[in-house]
Amino acid sequence: AEAREFYARLMAAHAGSADPRLGEAFATVPREAFLGPGPWTIIAGDGRVTTPTADPAHIYQNVLVALDADKGINNGEPCLHAMWIGRIAPRPGETLTHIGAGTGYYTALLAKLVAPGAVIAFELDAALAGRAERNLAAYGNVTVIHGNAVTSPLPASDIIYVNAGVVAPPAAWLK
């Protein structure tokens, strides 16, 4: 709990957001619940380091945690997401589309920030979409879609949050 609280304060500071709800979201969404059981593989530069134990304190840092090391998929760098989320400033009642939901950690943070609004989360990888659906079951304002957000029609949204590999945003996203 102490490590998560410090991590939340650190992420809020990086975000530079005046919205205290951002720090609260990082403090209340348990990152380990979205990563699978530890020990975890941390991606560091071109290498990998395994946490010595399954103690969640090891992941309450600004580290990339592998979700599927063979595919090069990770949970994302918390500091960058904190800054991006701080900049888009999600507000209660908004509808947000999250493209590249992975296992749902940042989707959960976004869901807390827009509640009672909705988050529609797209994930292309079937295994990750299944994990996201299970991980986000307790978030009643989230819908997980296993699908390609480039070729699928997107719902009307106040915000489209993308953390997936795309060459350029499709015209439909910009509309």
N, C-alpha and C. Protein backbone atom coordinates (compact mmCIF):
# COMPACT_ATOMS: atom_id res chain seq x y z
N ALA A 1 0.83 -1.20 0.00
CA ALA A 1 0.00 0.00 0.00
C ALA A 1 0.87 1.26 0.00
N GLU A 2 1.95 1.22 0.77
CA GLU A 2 2.85 2.38 0.82
C GLU A 2 3.52 2.62 -0.54
N ALA A 3 3.97 1.55 -1.18
CA ALA A 3 4.61 1.67 -2.49
C ALA A 3 3.62 2.20 -3.52
N ARG A 4 2.37 1.72 -3.49
CA ARG A 4 1.37 2.18 -4.45
C ARG A 4 1.03 3.65 -4.23
N GLU A 5 0.94 4.07 -2.97
CA GLU A 5 0.63 5.48 -2.68
C GLU A 5 1.75 6.39 -3.17
N PHE A 6 3.00 6.00 -2.95
CA PHE A 6 4.13 6.80 -3.42
C PHE A 6 4.13 6.85 -4.95
N TYR A 7 3.92 5.71 -5.58
CA TYR A 7 3.85 5.61 -7.04
C TYR A 7 2.76 6.55 -7.57
N ALA A 8 1.61 6.57 -6.94
CA ALA A 8 0.51 7.44 -7.38
C ALA A 8 0.89 8.91 -7.29
N ARG A 9 1.54 9.28 -6.20
CA ARG A 9 1.99 10.68 -6.06
C ARG A 9 3.02 11.02 -7.13
N LEU A 10 3.91 10.09 -7.41
CA LEU A 10 4.93 10.29 -8.43
C LEU A 10 4.30 10.43 -9.81
N MET A 11 3.32 9.58 -10.14
CA MET A 11 2.65 9.66 -11.45
C MET A 11 1.88 10.97 -11.57
N ALA A 12 1.21 11.38 -10.52
CA ALA A 12 0.47 12.64 -10.54
C ALA A 12 1.43 13.82 -10.75
N ALA A 13 2.59 13.77 -10.12
CA ALA A 13 3.57 14.84 -10.30
C ALA A 13 4.08 14.88 -11.74
N HIS A 14 4.35 13.72 -12.32
CA HIS A 14 4.78 13.66 -13.72
C HIS A 14 3.70 14.20 -14.65
N ALA A 15 2.46 13.93 -14.32
CA ALA A 15 1.35 14.36 -15.17
C ALA A 15 1.22 15.87 -15.20
N GLY A 16 1.59 16.52 -14.11
CA GLY A 16 1.44 17.96 -14.04
C GLY A 16 -0.01 18.40 -14.09
N SER A 17 -0.89 17.51 -13.69
CA SER A 17 -2.32 17.80 -13.73
C SER A 17 -2.78 18.35 -12.39
N ALA A 18 -3.68 19.32 -12.45
CA ALA A 18 -4.25 19.87 -11.22
C ALA A 18 -5.41 19.01 -10.72
N ASP A 19 -5.80 17.99 -11.48
CA ASP A 19 -6.93 17.15 -11.12
C ASP A 19 -6.48 16.09 -10.11
N PRO A 20 -6.91 16.18 -8.86
CA PRO A 20 -6.49 15.20 -7.85
C PRO A 20 -7.01 13.79 -8.14
N ARG A 21 -8.02 13.67 -9.01
CA ARG A 21 -8.57 12.36 -9.33
C ARG A 21 -7.56 11.48 -10.05
N LEU A 22 -6.61 12.09 -10.76
CA LEU A 22 -5.61 11.30 -11.47
C LEU A 22 -4.74 10.54 -10.49
N GLY A 23 -4.23 11.21 -9.48
CA GLY A 23 -3.45 10.53 -8.44
C GLY A 23 -4.27 9.50 -7.71
N GLU A 24 -5.53 9.82 -7.44
CA GLU A 24 -6.42 8.87 -6.76
C GLU A 24 -6.61 7.61 -7.61
N ALA A 25 -6.72 7.78 -8.92
CA ALA A 25 -6.90 6.62 -9.79
C ALA A 25 -5.66 5.73 -9.74
N PHE A 26 -4.47 6.33 -9.83
CA PHE A 26 -3.25 5.53 -9.74
C PHE A 26 -3.12 4.86 -8.37
N ALA A 27 -3.63 5.51 -7.33
CA ALA A 27 -3.53 4.94 -5.98
C ALA A 27 -4.51 3.80 -5.74
N THR A 28 -5.63 3.80 -6.46
CA THR A 28 -6.67 2.82 -6.16
C THR A 28 -6.77 1.67 -7.16
N VAL A 29 -6.15 1.80 -8.34
CA VAL A 29 -6.18 0.71 -9.31
C VAL A 29 -4.92 -0.14 -9.11
N PRO A 30 -5.07 -1.37 -8.68
CA PRO A 30 -3.90 -2.21 -8.39
C PRO A 30 -3.24 -2.72 -9.68
N ARG A 31 -2.08 -2.21 -10.00
CA ARG A 31 -1.38 -2.58 -11.23
C ARG A 31 -1.17 -4.09 -11.33
N GLU A 32 -0.83 -4.71 -10.22
CA GLU A 32 -0.55 -6.15 -10.23
C GLU A 32 -1.74 -6.98 -10.68
N ALA A 33 -2.95 -6.49 -10.47
CA ALA A 33 -4.14 -7.22 -10.87
C ALA A 33 -4.27 -7.34 -12.39
N PHE A 34 -3.53 -6.51 -13.11
CA PHE A 34 -3.61 -6.49 -14.57
C PHE A 34 -2.39 -7.12 -15.24
N LEU A 35 -1.44 -7.58 -14.45
CA LEU A 35 -0.19 -8.09 -15.01
C LEU A 35 -0.05 -9.60 -14.95
N GLY A 36 -0.93 -10.27 -14.26
CA GLY A 36 -0.77 -11.70 -14.05
C GLY A 36 0.11 -11.92 -12.84
N PRO A 37 0.27 -13.17 -12.43
CA PRO A 37 1.04 -13.45 -11.22
C PRO A 37 2.53 -13.16 -11.40
N GLY A 38 3.14 -12.67 -10.34
CA GLY A 38 4.59 -12.44 -10.34
C GLY A 38 5.31 -13.71 -9.98
N PRO A 39 6.61 -13.65 -10.02
CA PRO A 39 7.47 -12.54 -10.39
C PRO A 39 7.21 -12.09 -11.84
N TRP A 40 7.55 -10.83 -12.11
CA TRP A 40 7.27 -10.21 -13.39
C TRP A 40 8.57 -9.97 -14.16
N THR A 41 8.45 -9.92 -15.47
CA THR A 41 9.59 -9.59 -16.32
C THR A 41 9.53 -8.11 -16.64
N ILE A 42 10.58 -7.41 -16.25
CA ILE A 42 10.70 -5.98 -16.51
C ILE A 42 11.58 -5.80 -17.74
N ILE A 43 11.13 -4.95 -18.65
CA ILE A 43 11.92 -4.67 -19.85
C ILE A 43 12.76 -3.43 -19.55
N ALA A 44 14.07 -3.60 -19.71
CA ALA A 44 15.02 -2.52 -19.40
C ALA A 44 15.96 -2.37 -20.59
N GLY A 45 15.72 -1.34 -21.40
CA GLY A 45 16.53 -1.17 -22.60
C GLY A 45 16.29 -2.35 -23.52
N ASP A 46 17.38 -2.99 -23.94
CA ASP A 46 17.27 -4.18 -24.79
C ASP A 46 17.25 -5.47 -23.97
N GLY A 47 17.28 -5.34 -22.66
CA GLY A 47 17.33 -6.52 -21.80
C GLY A 47 16.06 -6.73 -21.00
N ARG A 48 16.08 -7.79 -20.23
CA ARG A 48 14.96 -8.14 -19.36
C ARG A 48 15.50 -8.49 -17.99
N VAL A 49 14.76 -8.07 -16.98
CA VAL A 49 15.11 -8.37 -15.59
C VAL A 49 13.86 -8.91 -14.92
N THR A 50 14.01 -10.01 -14.22
CA THR A 50 12.88 -10.59 -13.50
C THR A 50 12.89 -10.09 -12.07
N THR A 51 11.72 -9.69 -11.58
CA THR A 51 11.63 -9.24 -10.20
C THR A 51 12.01 -10.41 -9.29
N PRO A 52 12.67 -10.13 -8.16
CA PRO A 52 13.12 -11.22 -7.31
C PRO A 52 11.99 -12.01 -6.67
N THR A 53 10.84 -11.37 -6.48
CA THR A 53 9.68 -12.04 -5.86
C THR A 53 8.41 -11.50 -6.52
N ALA A 54 7.28 -12.00 -6.06
CA ALA A 54 5.98 -11.52 -6.53
C ALA A 54 5.46 -10.37 -5.69
N ASP A 55 6.33 -9.72 -4.94
CA ASP A 55 5.92 -8.56 -4.14
C ASP A 55 5.57 -7.41 -5.09
N PRO A 56 4.33 -6.92 -5.06
CA PRO A 56 3.93 -5.84 -5.97
C PRO A 56 4.76 -4.57 -5.83
N ALA A 57 5.47 -4.40 -4.74
CA ALA A 57 6.31 -3.20 -4.59
C ALA A 57 7.29 -3.07 -5.76
N HIS A 58 7.66 -4.19 -6.36
CA HIS A 58 8.61 -4.15 -7.47
C HIS A 58 8.05 -3.50 -8.73
N ILE A 59 6.73 -3.47 -8.87
CA ILE A 59 6.15 -2.92 -10.09
C ILE A 59 5.55 -1.53 -9.90
N TYR A 60 5.64 -1.01 -8.67
CA TYR A 60 5.18 0.36 -8.45
C TYR A 60 6.34 1.32 -8.64
N GLN A 61 6.84 1.26 -9.86
CA GLN A 61 7.92 2.11 -10.34
C GLN A 61 7.60 2.43 -11.80
N ASN A 62 8.36 3.31 -12.39
CA ASN A 62 8.17 3.65 -13.79
C ASN A 62 8.90 2.63 -14.65
N VAL A 63 8.35 1.41 -14.68
CA VAL A 63 8.98 0.32 -15.42
C VAL A 63 7.99 -0.30 -16.40
N LEU A 64 8.55 -0.84 -17.49
CA LEU A 64 7.77 -1.58 -18.47
C LEU A 64 7.70 -3.03 -18.02
N VAL A 65 6.50 -3.55 -17.87
CA VAL A 65 6.32 -4.94 -17.46
C VAL A 65 5.83 -5.72 -18.67
N ALA A 66 6.51 -6.81 -18.99
CA ALA A 66 6.13 -7.63 -20.14
C ALA A 66 4.77 -8.28 -19.93
N LEU A 67 3.91 -8.17 -20.93
CA LEU A 67 2.64 -8.90 -20.95
C LEU A 67 2.78 -10.14 -21.82
N ASP A 68 3.49 -10.00 -22.92
CA ASP A 68 3.82 -11.11 -23.82
C ASP A 68 5.20 -10.80 -24.38
N ALA A 69 6.22 -11.28 -23.69
CA ALA A 69 7.60 -10.95 -24.04
C ALA A 69 7.95 -11.41 -25.45
N ASP A 70 7.41 -12.56 -25.89
CA ASP A 70 7.72 -13.08 -27.22
C ASP A 70 7.20 -12.16 -28.33
N LYS A 71 6.09 -11.49 -28.08
CA LYS A 71 5.52 -10.56 -29.07
C LYS A 71 6.00 -9.13 -28.84
N GLY A 72 6.76 -8.91 -27.78
CA GLY A 72 7.23 -7.56 -27.49
C GLY A 72 6.15 -6.65 -26.93
N ILE A 73 5.13 -7.23 -26.30
CA ILE A 73 4.02 -6.44 -25.75
C ILE A 73 4.25 -6.22 -24.28
N ASN A 74 4.15 -4.96 -23.86
CA ASN A 74 4.34 -4.63 -22.45
C ASN A 74 3.17 -3.80 -21.95
N ASN A 75 3.18 -3.53 -20.65
CA ASN A 75 2.11 -2.80 -19.99
C ASN A 75 2.21 -1.29 -20.19
N GLY A 76 3.26 -0.81 -20.79
CA GLY A 76 3.40 0.62 -21.02
C GLY A 76 4.09 1.31 -19.86
N GLU A 77 4.73 2.41 -20.18
CA GLU A 77 5.48 3.16 -19.18
C GLU A 77 4.53 4.08 -18.40
N PRO A 78 4.33 3.83 -17.12
CA PRO A 78 3.36 4.60 -16.34
C PRO A 78 3.54 6.11 -16.42
N CYS A 79 4.77 6.58 -16.39
CA CYS A 79 5.02 8.02 -16.42
C CYS A 79 4.46 8.65 -17.69
N LEU A 80 4.68 8.01 -18.83
CA LEU A 80 4.16 8.54 -20.10
C LEU A 80 2.63 8.55 -20.09
N HIS A 81 2.04 7.46 -19.63
CA HIS A 81 0.58 7.41 -19.58
C HIS A 81 0.03 8.46 -18.63
N ALA A 82 0.68 8.66 -17.52
CA ALA A 82 0.23 9.69 -16.57
C ALA A 82 0.24 11.06 -17.24
N MET A 83 1.31 11.35 -17.97
CA MET A 83 1.39 12.65 -18.66
C MET A 83 0.32 12.76 -19.74
N TRP A 84 0.14 11.70 -20.53
CA TRP A 84 -0.86 11.75 -21.60
C TRP A 84 -2.27 11.87 -21.03
N ILE A 85 -2.56 11.09 -20.00
CA ILE A 85 -3.89 11.15 -19.40
C ILE A 85 -4.11 12.52 -18.76
N GLY A 86 -3.07 13.06 -18.13
CA GLY A 86 -3.18 14.40 -17.57
C GLY A 86 -3.49 15.44 -18.63
N ARG A 87 -2.91 15.28 -19.81
CA ARG A 87 -3.12 16.24 -20.90
C ARG A 87 -4.51 16.14 -21.51
N ILE A 88 -5.04 14.92 -21.64
CA ILE A 88 -6.38 14.79 -22.23
C ILE A 88 -7.47 15.12 -21.23
N ALA A 89 -7.13 15.11 -19.95
CA ALA A 89 -8.02 15.54 -18.86
C ALA A 89 -9.43 14.96 -18.96
N PRO A 90 -9.56 13.63 -18.89
CA PRO A 90 -10.91 13.03 -18.94
C PRO A 90 -11.78 13.55 -17.80
N ARG A 91 -13.05 13.80 -18.13
CA ARG A 91 -13.98 14.34 -17.14
C ARG A 91 -15.13 13.37 -16.91
N PRO A 92 -15.71 13.39 -15.73
CA PRO A 92 -16.86 12.53 -15.44
C PRO A 92 -17.97 12.74 -16.48
N GLY A 93 -18.54 11.62 -16.90
CA GLY A 93 -19.64 11.67 -17.85
C GLY A 93 -19.22 11.56 -19.31
N GLU A 94 -17.93 11.67 -19.59
CA GLU A 94 -17.48 11.58 -20.98
C GLU A 94 -17.47 10.12 -21.45
N THR A 95 -17.51 9.96 -22.77
CA THR A 95 -17.34 8.65 -23.39
C THR A 95 -15.94 8.65 -23.99
N LEU A 96 -15.19 7.61 -23.66
CA LEU A 96 -13.80 7.51 -24.09
C LEU A 96 -13.59 6.18 -24.80
N THR A 97 -12.93 6.21 -25.94
CA THR A 97 -12.55 4.99 -26.63
C THR A 97 -11.07 4.80 -26.40
N HIS A 98 -10.70 3.62 -25.91
CA HIS A 98 -9.30 3.29 -25.65
C HIS A 98 -8.88 2.23 -26.66
N ILE A 99 -7.93 2.59 -27.50
CA ILE A 99 -7.43 1.68 -28.53
C ILE A 99 -6.08 1.14 -28.09
N GLY A 100 -6.01 -0.17 -27.97
CA GLY A 100 -4.79 -0.82 -27.48
C GLY A 100 -4.88 -1.03 -25.98
N ALA A 101 -5.96 -1.63 -25.53
CA ALA A 101 -6.22 -1.78 -24.10
C ALA A 101 -5.29 -2.76 -23.39
N GLY A 102 -4.64 -3.64 -24.14
CA GLY A 102 -3.78 -4.62 -23.48
C GLY A 102 -4.60 -5.45 -22.50
N THR A 103 -4.13 -5.54 -21.27
CA THR A 103 -4.86 -6.28 -20.24
C THR A 103 -5.76 -5.38 -19.39
N GLY A 104 -5.81 -4.09 -19.73
CA GLY A 104 -6.80 -3.21 -19.12
C GLY A 104 -6.36 -2.26 -18.04
N TYR A 105 -5.08 -2.21 -17.68
CA TYR A 105 -4.67 -1.35 -16.57
C TYR A 105 -5.00 0.12 -16.82
N TYR A 106 -4.56 0.66 -17.95
CA TYR A 106 -4.83 2.08 -18.22
C TYR A 106 -6.31 2.30 -18.53
N THR A 107 -6.97 1.27 -19.06
CA THR A 107 -8.42 1.35 -19.27
C THR A 107 -9.12 1.56 -17.93
N ALA A 108 -8.68 0.83 -16.91
CA ALA A 108 -9.28 0.97 -15.58
C ALA A 108 -9.07 2.37 -15.02
N LEU A 109 -7.88 2.92 -15.20
CA LEU A 109 -7.62 4.29 -14.75
C LEU A 109 -8.56 5.26 -15.46
N LEU A 110 -8.67 5.10 -16.78
CA LEU A 110 -9.55 5.97 -17.56
C LEU A 110 -11.01 5.82 -17.14
N ALA A 111 -11.42 4.58 -16.85
CA ALA A 111 -12.80 4.33 -16.42
C ALA A 111 -13.12 5.06 -15.13
N LYS A 112 -12.17 5.08 -14.21
CA LYS A 112 -12.39 5.82 -12.95
C LYS A 112 -12.54 7.31 -13.22
N LEU A 113 -11.76 7.83 -14.17
CA LEU A 113 -11.77 9.26 -14.43
C LEU A 113 -13.02 9.74 -15.17
N VAL A 114 -13.63 8.89 -16.00
CA VAL A 114 -14.82 9.32 -16.73
C VAL A 114 -16.12 8.88 -16.06
N ALA A 115 -16.04 8.02 -15.04
CA ALA A 115 -17.26 7.54 -14.38
C ALA A 115 -18.11 8.73 -13.95
N PRO A 116 -19.40 8.69 -14.21
CA PRO A 116 -20.24 7.59 -14.67
C PRO A 116 -20.27 7.43 -16.20
N GLY A 117 -19.39 8.10 -16.91
CA GLY A 117 -19.29 7.94 -18.36
C GLY A 117 -18.80 6.55 -18.71
N ALA A 118 -18.56 6.33 -20.00
CA ALA A 118 -18.23 5.00 -20.48
C ALA A 118 -16.86 4.95 -21.16
N VAL A 119 -16.24 3.77 -21.09
CA VAL A 119 -15.01 3.49 -21.81
C VAL A 119 -15.26 2.28 -22.69
N ILE A 120 -14.98 2.44 -23.97
CA ILE A 120 -15.04 1.33 -24.91
C ILE A 120 -13.60 1.01 -25.25
N ALA A 121 -13.16 -0.20 -24.91
CA ALA A 121 -11.75 -0.58 -25.03
C ALA A 121 -11.58 -1.60 -26.16
N PHE A 122 -10.76 -1.24 -27.13
CA PHE A 122 -10.44 -2.15 -28.23
C PHE A 122 -9.09 -2.81 -27.95
N GLU A 123 -9.04 -4.12 -28.21
CA GLU A 123 -7.77 -4.84 -28.14
C GLU A 123 -7.74 -5.84 -29.27
N LEU A 124 -6.70 -5.77 -30.09
CA LEU A 124 -6.56 -6.62 -31.27
C LEU A 124 -6.18 -8.06 -30.92
N ASP A 125 -5.30 -8.23 -29.95
CA ASP A 125 -4.81 -9.56 -29.58
C ASP A 125 -5.88 -10.29 -28.76
N ALA A 126 -6.27 -11.47 -29.23
CA ALA A 126 -7.37 -12.21 -28.59
C ALA A 126 -7.06 -12.57 -27.13
N ALA A 127 -5.85 -13.03 -26.87
CA ALA A 127 -5.49 -13.41 -25.49
C ALA A 127 -5.52 -12.20 -24.56
N LEU A 128 -4.98 -11.08 -25.03
CA LEU A 128 -4.99 -9.88 -24.19
C LEU A 128 -6.41 -9.35 -24.01
N ALA A 129 -7.22 -9.41 -25.06
CA ALA A 129 -8.62 -8.96 -24.94
C ALA A 129 -9.37 -9.79 -23.91
N GLY A 130 -9.12 -11.09 -23.90
CA GLY A 130 -9.76 -11.96 -22.90
C GLY A 130 -9.32 -11.61 -21.50
N ARG A 131 -8.03 -11.36 -21.33
CA ARG A 131 -7.53 -10.97 -20.01
C ARG A 131 -8.13 -9.62 -19.60
N ALA A 132 -8.21 -8.67 -20.54
CA ALA A 132 -8.78 -7.36 -20.23
C ALA A 132 -10.23 -7.50 -19.80
N GLU A 133 -10.96 -8.32 -20.51
CA GLU A 133 -12.38 -8.51 -20.16
C GLU A 133 -12.52 -9.04 -18.74
N ARG A 134 -11.70 -10.02 -18.38
CA ARG A 134 -11.74 -10.56 -17.01
C ARG A 134 -11.29 -9.51 -16.00
N ASN A 135 -10.20 -8.82 -16.30
CA ASN A 135 -9.65 -7.83 -15.38
C ASN A 135 -10.58 -6.65 -15.16
N LEU A 136 -11.37 -6.32 -16.16
CA LEU A 136 -12.23 -5.14 -16.09
C LEU A 136 -13.68 -5.46 -15.75
N ALA A 137 -13.96 -6.71 -15.42
CA ALA A 137 -15.33 -7.13 -15.13
C ALA A 137 -15.97 -6.31 -14.01
N ALA A 138 -15.18 -5.87 -13.06
CA ALA A 138 -15.71 -5.09 -11.93
C ALA A 138 -16.00 -3.63 -12.30
N TYR A 139 -15.54 -3.21 -13.48
CA TYR A 139 -15.76 -1.83 -13.91
C TYR A 139 -16.99 -1.82 -14.82
N GLY A 140 -18.11 -1.45 -14.24
CA GLY A 140 -19.38 -1.49 -14.97
C GLY A 140 -19.49 -0.52 -16.12
N ASN A 141 -18.58 0.43 -16.21
CA ASN A 141 -18.65 1.42 -17.30
C ASN A 141 -17.67 1.11 -18.43
N VAL A 142 -17.14 -0.12 -18.47
CA VAL A 142 -16.19 -0.51 -19.51
C VAL A 142 -16.75 -1.63 -20.36
N THR A 143 -16.61 -1.48 -21.67
CA THR A 143 -16.91 -2.54 -22.62
C THR A 143 -15.63 -2.86 -23.36
N VAL A 144 -15.24 -4.14 -23.36
CA VAL A 144 -14.04 -4.57 -24.08
C VAL A 144 -14.47 -5.19 -25.40
N ILE A 145 -13.82 -4.75 -26.47
CA ILE A 145 -14.09 -5.28 -27.81
C ILE A 145 -12.81 -5.90 -28.35
N HIS A 146 -12.87 -7.19 -28.63
CA HIS A 146 -11.75 -7.83 -29.31
C HIS A 146 -11.93 -7.53 -30.78
N GLY A 147 -11.11 -6.63 -31.30
CA GLY A 147 -11.26 -6.25 -32.69
C GLY A 147 -10.21 -5.24 -33.12
N ASN A 148 -10.23 -4.96 -34.39
CA ASN A 148 -9.30 -4.04 -35.01
C ASN A 148 -9.93 -2.65 -35.07
N ALA A 149 -9.44 -1.73 -34.29
CA ALA A 149 -10.01 -0.39 -34.24
C ALA A 149 -9.72 0.43 -35.49
N VAL A 150 -8.81 -0.05 -36.33
CA VAL A 150 -8.54 0.65 -37.59
C VAL A 150 -9.64 0.35 -38.60
N THR A 151 -10.12 -0.89 -38.61
CA THR A 151 -11.11 -1.29 -39.61
C THR A 151 -12.54 -1.32 -39.04
N SER A 152 -12.68 -1.25 -37.74
CA SER A 152 -14.01 -1.27 -37.12
C SER A 152 -14.52 0.15 -36.95
N PRO A 153 -15.83 0.33 -37.07
CA PRO A 153 -16.36 1.67 -36.78
C PRO A 153 -16.22 1.96 -35.28
N LEU A 154 -15.80 3.16 -34.96
CA LEU A 154 -15.65 3.55 -33.56
C LEU A 154 -16.94 4.20 -33.07
N PRO A 155 -17.23 4.04 -31.80
CA PRO A 155 -18.40 4.72 -31.24
C PRO A 155 -18.15 6.22 -31.14
N ALA A 156 -19.22 6.98 -31.10
CA ALA A 156 -19.08 8.42 -30.85
C ALA A 156 -18.38 8.58 -29.51
N SER A 157 -17.32 9.39 -29.48
CA SER A 157 -16.51 9.53 -28.27
C SER A 157 -16.09 10.97 -28.07
N ASP A 158 -15.95 11.34 -26.81
CA ASP A 158 -15.38 12.64 -26.48
C ASP A 158 -13.87 12.61 -26.61
N ILE A 159 -13.29 11.44 -26.32
CA ILE A 159 -11.83 11.26 -26.35
C ILE A 159 -11.52 9.91 -26.98
N ILE A 160 -10.51 9.87 -27.83
CA ILE A 160 -9.96 8.61 -28.32
C ILE A 160 -8.53 8.55 -27.80
N TYR A 161 -8.25 7.56 -26.98
CA TYR A 161 -6.93 7.39 -26.36
C TYR A 161 -6.27 6.19 -27.02
N VAL A 162 -5.16 6.43 -27.70
CA VAL A 162 -4.50 5.37 -28.47
C VAL A 162 -3.15 5.06 -27.87
N ASN A 163 -2.95 3.81 -27.50
CA ASN A 163 -1.60 3.34 -27.17
C ASN A 163 -1.42 1.98 -27.83
N ALA A 164 -1.47 2.05 -29.14
CA ALA A 164 -1.29 0.88 -29.99
C ALA A 164 -0.42 1.29 -31.16
N GLY A 165 0.20 0.33 -31.79
CA GLY A 165 1.07 0.63 -32.91
C GLY A 165 0.28 0.91 -34.18
N VAL A 166 0.27 2.15 -34.60
CA VAL A 166 -0.33 2.53 -35.88
C VAL A 166 0.62 3.50 -36.57
N VAL A 167 0.62 3.45 -37.91
CA VAL A 167 1.49 4.34 -38.67
C VAL A 167 0.98 5.77 -38.62
N ALA A 168 -0.33 5.92 -38.78
CA ALA A 168 -0.97 7.24 -38.73
C ALA A 168 -2.41 7.02 -38.30
N PRO A 169 -3.00 8.01 -37.65
CA PRO A 169 -4.40 7.84 -37.24
C PRO A 169 -5.33 7.80 -38.46
N PRO A 170 -6.20 6.80 -38.55
CA PRO A 170 -7.17 6.75 -39.64
C PRO A 170 -8.10 7.96 -39.59
N ALA A 171 -8.61 8.34 -40.74
CA ALA A 171 -9.50 9.51 -40.82
C ALA A 171 -10.70 9.38 -39.90
N ALA A 172 -11.22 8.15 -39.74
CA ALA A 172 -12.39 7.97 -38.87
C ALA A 172 -12.09 8.35 -37.43
N TRP A 173 -10.86 8.12 -36.97
CA TRP A 173 -10.51 8.49 -35.61
C TRP A 173 -10.51 10.01 -35.46
N LEU A 174 -10.04 10.69 -36.46
CA LEU A 174 -9.97 12.15 -36.39
C LEU A 174 -11.34 12.80 -36.46
N LYS A 175 -12.27 12.17 -37.16
CA LYS A 175 -13.64 12.70 -37.24
C LYS A 175 -14.30 12.57 -35.89
